[in-house]
Amino acid sequence: MSKTIFITGATSGFGKASASIFAEKGHRLIITGRRKDRLEILSKTLQEKYDVEVTTLCFDVRKNEEVIAAVSSLSNKKIDVLINNAGLASGLNKIQDGLLDDWEKMIDTNIKGLLYVSKAIMPLMIKEKSGHIINIGSTAGKESYEKGNVYCATKHAVDALSKSMRIDLLGKGIKVSQICPGAAETEFSEVRLHGDTEKAKQIYKGYEPMSAKDVASIIYYVTTLPKNLCINDLIVTSISQASSHYINRT
């Protein structure tokens, strides 16, 4: 049965890969992000390749008024799956050397953005007495590491919010899953390092990290379970990674 999938941060990484796999499976898509040109290119590509319905919404999850306006503009108010994927790391400094702009960017996107989008969409799911919210967390939400400080804190918040959503939505027919990937080679490190492509490449040197497609396949999988089953929390890494601290590099 075809579902409507709402994906934040769909212009790159896990979000883009998720859009592709759900389109391939014949589902309707609502893809969102800040980069309008990328959204339009992705929409056209998916429609032509898979002949699926794709709606694009260009807005910034950090701005609640934009979130509300975007969700209100939808003609179809039934959303089956919300993938809260929009998120980032910014900066790689020890906390005493951290930049306020980096901190605010991560807090506003990873925590407040997730809350704004969820608050706008949860009433639609509650009305239908069904739905699935998938929050993209991180292994950084399970442990802290040097120079991870505020990023780790925001992903710990995603972990806590996922648990809280599951409790507060109990009895509403809504599943809440958290997917926590380890190292995956996407634009993540380049963004974190403020565009330093060469330095970002070094992070994945000497081992085979996960790809965006790997993680997207898991995001898709958790939506395929029977109605009475929910994967609450799932941590996934490549075979080369045991934790944020331990990566086997050859």
Protein backbone atom coordinates (compact mmCIF):
# COMPACT_ATOMS: atom_id res chain seq x y z
CA MET A 1 0.00 0.00 0.00
CA SER A 2 1.36 3.39 -1.00
CA LYS A 3 2.16 5.76 1.87
CA THR A 4 2.94 9.46 2.12
CA ILE A 5 6.49 10.02 3.40
CA PHE A 6 7.54 13.44 4.75
CA ILE A 7 11.34 13.87 4.81
CA THR A 8 13.23 16.82 6.26
CA GLY A 9 16.74 17.56 5.02
CA ALA A 10 16.04 15.70 1.79
CA THR A 11 18.61 17.52 -0.37
CA SER A 12 21.60 15.42 0.69
CA GLY A 13 22.83 12.48 2.74
CA PHE A 14 20.39 10.19 4.51
CA GLY A 15 17.40 12.31 3.50
CA LYS A 16 18.14 12.18 -0.21
CA ALA A 17 18.93 8.46 -0.10
CA SER A 18 15.71 7.81 1.84
CA ALA A 19 13.69 9.73 -0.75
CA SER A 20 15.16 7.51 -3.46
CA ILE A 21 14.42 4.22 -1.73
CA PHE A 22 10.85 5.17 -0.81
CA ALA A 23 10.24 6.40 -4.37
CA GLU A 24 11.62 3.14 -5.74
CA LYS A 25 9.08 1.30 -3.58
CA GLY A 26 6.24 3.41 -5.03
CA HIS A 27 5.47 5.74 -2.12
CA ARG A 28 4.33 9.36 -2.35
CA LEU A 29 6.94 11.85 -1.16
CA ILE A 30 7.02 15.24 0.50
CA ILE A 31 10.66 16.31 0.37
CA THR A 32 11.81 19.38 2.25
CA GLY A 33 14.96 21.43 2.67
CA ARG A 34 16.47 24.90 2.40
CA ARG A 35 18.04 24.49 -1.05
CA LYS A 36 15.25 24.96 -3.58
CA ASP A 37 17.37 24.10 -6.61
CA ARG A 38 18.37 20.75 -5.14
CA LEU A 39 14.79 19.96 -4.16
CA GLU A 40 13.56 20.64 -7.67
CA ILE A 41 16.29 18.53 -9.28
CA LEU A 42 15.62 15.63 -6.89
CA SER A 43 11.86 15.88 -7.43
CA LYS A 44 12.21 15.78 -11.21
CA THR A 45 14.66 12.87 -11.05
CA LEU A 46 12.44 10.75 -8.81
CA GLN A 47 9.26 11.46 -10.76
CA GLU A 48 10.88 10.57 -14.07
CA LYS A 49 12.63 7.48 -12.77
CA TYR A 50 9.91 6.00 -10.57
CA ASP A 51 6.69 7.70 -11.72
CA VAL A 52 5.71 8.72 -8.18
CA GLU A 53 4.05 11.80 -6.75
CA VAL A 54 6.60 14.21 -5.25
CA THR A 55 5.78 17.45 -3.41
CA THR A 56 8.57 19.89 -2.56
CA LEU A 57 8.52 22.29 0.39
CA CYS A 58 11.37 24.77 0.71
CA PHE A 59 11.75 26.02 4.27
CA ASP A 60 14.17 26.21 7.19
CA VAL A 61 13.29 23.86 10.07
CA ARG A 62 14.87 26.38 12.47
CA LYS A 63 12.06 28.87 11.75
CA ASN A 64 8.78 27.74 13.28
CA GLU A 65 6.65 30.14 11.23
CA GLU A 66 8.08 28.64 8.02
CA VAL A 67 7.40 25.12 9.28
CA ILE A 68 3.78 25.93 10.10
CA ALA A 69 3.20 27.67 6.74
CA ALA A 70 4.74 24.78 4.81
CA VAL A 71 2.71 22.05 6.52
CA SER A 72 -0.47 24.15 6.29
CA SER A 73 0.04 24.50 2.52
CA LEU A 74 -0.28 20.76 1.92
CA SER A 75 -3.42 19.74 0.08
CA ASN A 76 -3.13 16.17 1.42
CA LYS A 77 -3.16 16.39 5.22
CA LYS A 78 -2.49 12.68 5.76
CA ILE A 79 1.16 11.89 6.46
CA ASP A 80 2.00 8.27 7.15
CA VAL A 81 5.71 8.56 7.91
CA LEU A 82 7.70 11.55 9.18
CA ILE A 83 11.47 11.22 8.86
CA ASN A 84 13.09 13.89 11.06
CA ASN A 85 16.39 13.81 9.24
CA ALA A 86 17.45 17.48 9.09
CA GLY A 87 20.48 17.89 11.30
CA LEU A 88 24.15 18.76 11.28
CA ALA A 89 27.38 19.12 13.19
CA SER A 90 29.12 22.47 12.99
CA GLY A 91 32.65 22.93 14.24
CA LEU A 92 35.10 20.54 15.86
CA ASN A 93 36.45 22.48 18.82
CA LYS A 94 36.93 21.74 22.48
CA ILE A 95 34.07 23.26 24.40
CA GLN A 96 36.18 26.08 25.82
CA ASP A 97 37.08 27.10 22.25
CA GLY A 98 33.61 26.61 20.78
CA LEU A 99 31.97 29.22 18.57
CA LEU A 100 28.54 30.47 19.63
CA ASP A 101 27.35 30.49 16.01
CA ASP A 102 28.18 26.78 15.70
CA TRP A 103 26.38 25.98 18.94
CA GLU A 104 23.23 27.87 18.00
CA LYS A 105 23.14 26.33 14.53
CA MET A 106 23.25 22.79 15.97
CA ILE A 107 20.77 23.46 18.78
CA ASP A 108 18.32 25.25 16.48
CA THR A 109 18.46 22.57 13.79
CA ASN A 110 18.92 19.32 15.67
CA ILE A 111 16.61 20.00 18.62
CA LYS A 112 14.28 22.90 17.91
CA GLY A 113 13.86 22.03 14.24
CA LEU A 114 12.90 18.46 15.09
CA LEU A 115 10.40 19.76 17.66
CA TYR A 116 8.86 22.34 15.32
CA VAL A 117 8.27 19.83 12.52
CA SER A 118 7.01 17.13 14.87
CA LYS A 119 4.58 19.52 16.56
CA ALA A 120 3.17 20.55 13.18
CA ILE A 121 2.67 16.99 11.96
CA MET A 122 1.72 15.03 15.09
CA PRO A 123 -1.85 16.40 15.20
CA LEU A 124 -2.40 15.09 11.66
CA MET A 125 -1.28 11.62 12.74
CA ILE A 126 -3.31 11.76 15.95
CA LYS A 127 -6.41 12.59 13.91
CA GLU A 128 -5.81 9.53 11.71
CA LYS A 129 -4.90 7.37 14.74
CA SER A 130 -1.87 6.13 12.83
CA GLY A 131 1.57 7.22 11.71
CA HIS A 132 5.27 6.62 12.17
CA ILE A 133 7.81 9.18 13.35
CA ILE A 134 11.44 8.29 12.65
CA ASN A 135 14.02 10.50 14.35
CA ILE A 136 17.57 10.34 13.01
CA GLY A 137 19.83 10.31 16.03
CA SER A 138 23.48 9.29 16.19
CA THR A 139 25.94 7.18 18.11
CA ALA A 140 26.89 10.64 19.44
CA GLY A 141 23.56 10.55 21.26
CA LYS A 142 24.66 7.45 23.15
CA GLU A 143 28.17 8.55 24.17
CA SER A 144 30.31 11.68 24.17
CA TYR A 145 33.71 12.15 22.60
CA GLU A 146 36.44 14.78 22.51
CA LYS A 147 35.41 17.92 20.60
CA GLY A 148 31.91 16.52 20.16
CA ASN A 149 30.42 18.44 23.14
CA VAL A 150 27.42 20.42 21.81
CA TYR A 151 26.76 18.11 18.87
CA CYS A 152 26.70 15.15 21.26
CA ALA A 153 24.39 17.12 23.57
CA THR A 154 21.91 17.77 20.75
CA LYS A 155 21.86 14.12 19.76
CA HIS A 156 21.42 13.09 23.40
CA ALA A 157 18.40 15.41 23.30
CA VAL A 158 17.07 13.58 20.22
CA ASP A 159 17.44 10.33 22.18
CA ALA A 160 15.46 11.74 25.11
CA LEU A 161 12.81 13.31 22.87
CA SER A 162 12.31 10.04 21.00
CA LYS A 163 11.65 8.25 24.29
CA SER A 164 9.34 11.04 25.45
CA MET A 165 7.37 11.03 22.18
CA ARG A 166 6.88 7.30 22.47
CA ILE A 167 5.49 7.71 26.00
CA ASP A 168 3.30 10.74 25.31
CA LEU A 169 1.86 9.29 22.07
CA LEU A 170 1.11 5.92 23.66
CA GLY A 171 -2.40 4.84 22.71
CA LYS A 172 -2.56 7.17 19.68
CA GLY A 173 -1.59 4.50 17.14
CA ILE A 174 1.69 6.25 16.32
CA LYS A 175 5.05 4.49 16.17
CA VAL A 176 8.22 6.33 17.20
CA SER A 177 11.60 4.99 16.09
CA GLN A 178 15.09 6.38 16.53
CA ILE A 179 17.86 5.38 14.11
CA CYS A 180 21.37 6.12 15.39
CA PRO A 181 24.07 5.81 12.71
CA GLY A 182 27.78 5.85 13.35
CA ALA A 183 30.29 7.12 10.79
CA ALA A 184 28.81 7.43 7.32
CA GLU A 185 30.45 9.15 4.36
CA THR A 186 28.11 11.98 3.38
CA GLU A 187 28.43 15.78 3.41
CA PHE A 188 28.35 15.58 7.22
CA SER A 189 32.08 16.05 7.89
CA GLU A 190 32.47 18.68 5.19
CA VAL A 191 29.71 20.72 6.80
CA ARG A 192 31.18 20.16 10.24
CA LEU A 193 34.56 21.38 9.05
CA HIS A 194 33.05 24.45 7.38
CA GLY A 195 33.74 23.29 3.84
CA ASP A 196 37.23 21.85 4.26
CA THR A 197 36.80 18.98 1.79
CA GLU A 198 40.32 17.55 2.07
CA LYS A 199 40.25 17.42 5.85
CA ALA A 200 36.79 15.84 5.74
CA LYS A 201 38.07 13.03 3.51
CA GLN A 202 40.71 12.10 6.10
CA ILE A 203 37.98 11.20 8.60
CA TYR A 204 36.95 8.23 6.44
CA LYS A 205 40.46 7.15 5.45
CA GLY A 206 41.66 3.61 6.12
CA TYR A 207 38.29 1.88 6.51
CA GLU A 208 34.94 1.46 4.77
CA PRO A 209 32.33 3.66 6.45
CA MET A 210 28.61 3.33 5.88
CA SER A 211 27.00 5.08 2.93
CA ALA A 212 23.84 7.17 2.92
CA LYS A 213 22.16 4.34 1.01
CA ASP A 214 23.08 1.86 3.76
CA VAL A 215 21.35 3.97 6.39
CA ALA A 216 18.36 4.72 4.13
CA SER A 217 17.77 0.98 3.67
CA ILE A 218 17.47 0.64 7.45
CA ILE A 219 15.13 3.65 7.68
CA TYR A 220 12.95 1.99 5.06
CA TYR A 221 13.10 -1.38 6.82
CA VAL A 222 11.66 -0.09 10.09
CA THR A 223 8.55 1.08 8.19
CA THR A 224 7.86 -2.41 6.84
CA LEU A 225 7.07 -4.17 10.11
CA PRO A 226 3.57 -5.33 11.06
CA LYS A 227 1.24 -2.70 12.52
CA ASN A 228 1.67 -3.99 16.07
CA LEU A 229 5.48 -3.90 16.02
CA CYS A 230 7.84 -0.94 16.41
CA ILE A 231 11.62 -0.77 16.42
CA ASN A 232 12.11 1.77 19.20
CA ASP A 233 15.85 2.34 19.01
CA LEU A 234 18.44 1.09 16.54
CA ILE A 235 22.20 1.74 16.52
CA VAL A 236 24.05 0.94 13.32
CA THR A 237 27.75 1.22 12.38
CA SER A 238 30.06 -0.29 9.80
CA ILE A 239 31.89 -3.45 10.79
CA SER A 240 35.03 -1.32 11.23
CA GLN A 241 33.51 0.78 14.00
CA ALA A 242 32.90 -0.38 17.56
CA SER A 243 32.16 3.07 18.99
CA SER A 244 32.98 6.73 18.40
CA HIS A 245 36.38 6.04 19.99
CA TYR A 246 37.27 2.77 18.27
CA ILE A 247 37.57 2.52 14.48
CA ASN A 248 39.77 -0.11 12.85
CA ARG A 249 41.83 1.66 10.19
CA THR A 250 44.18 -0.30 7.94
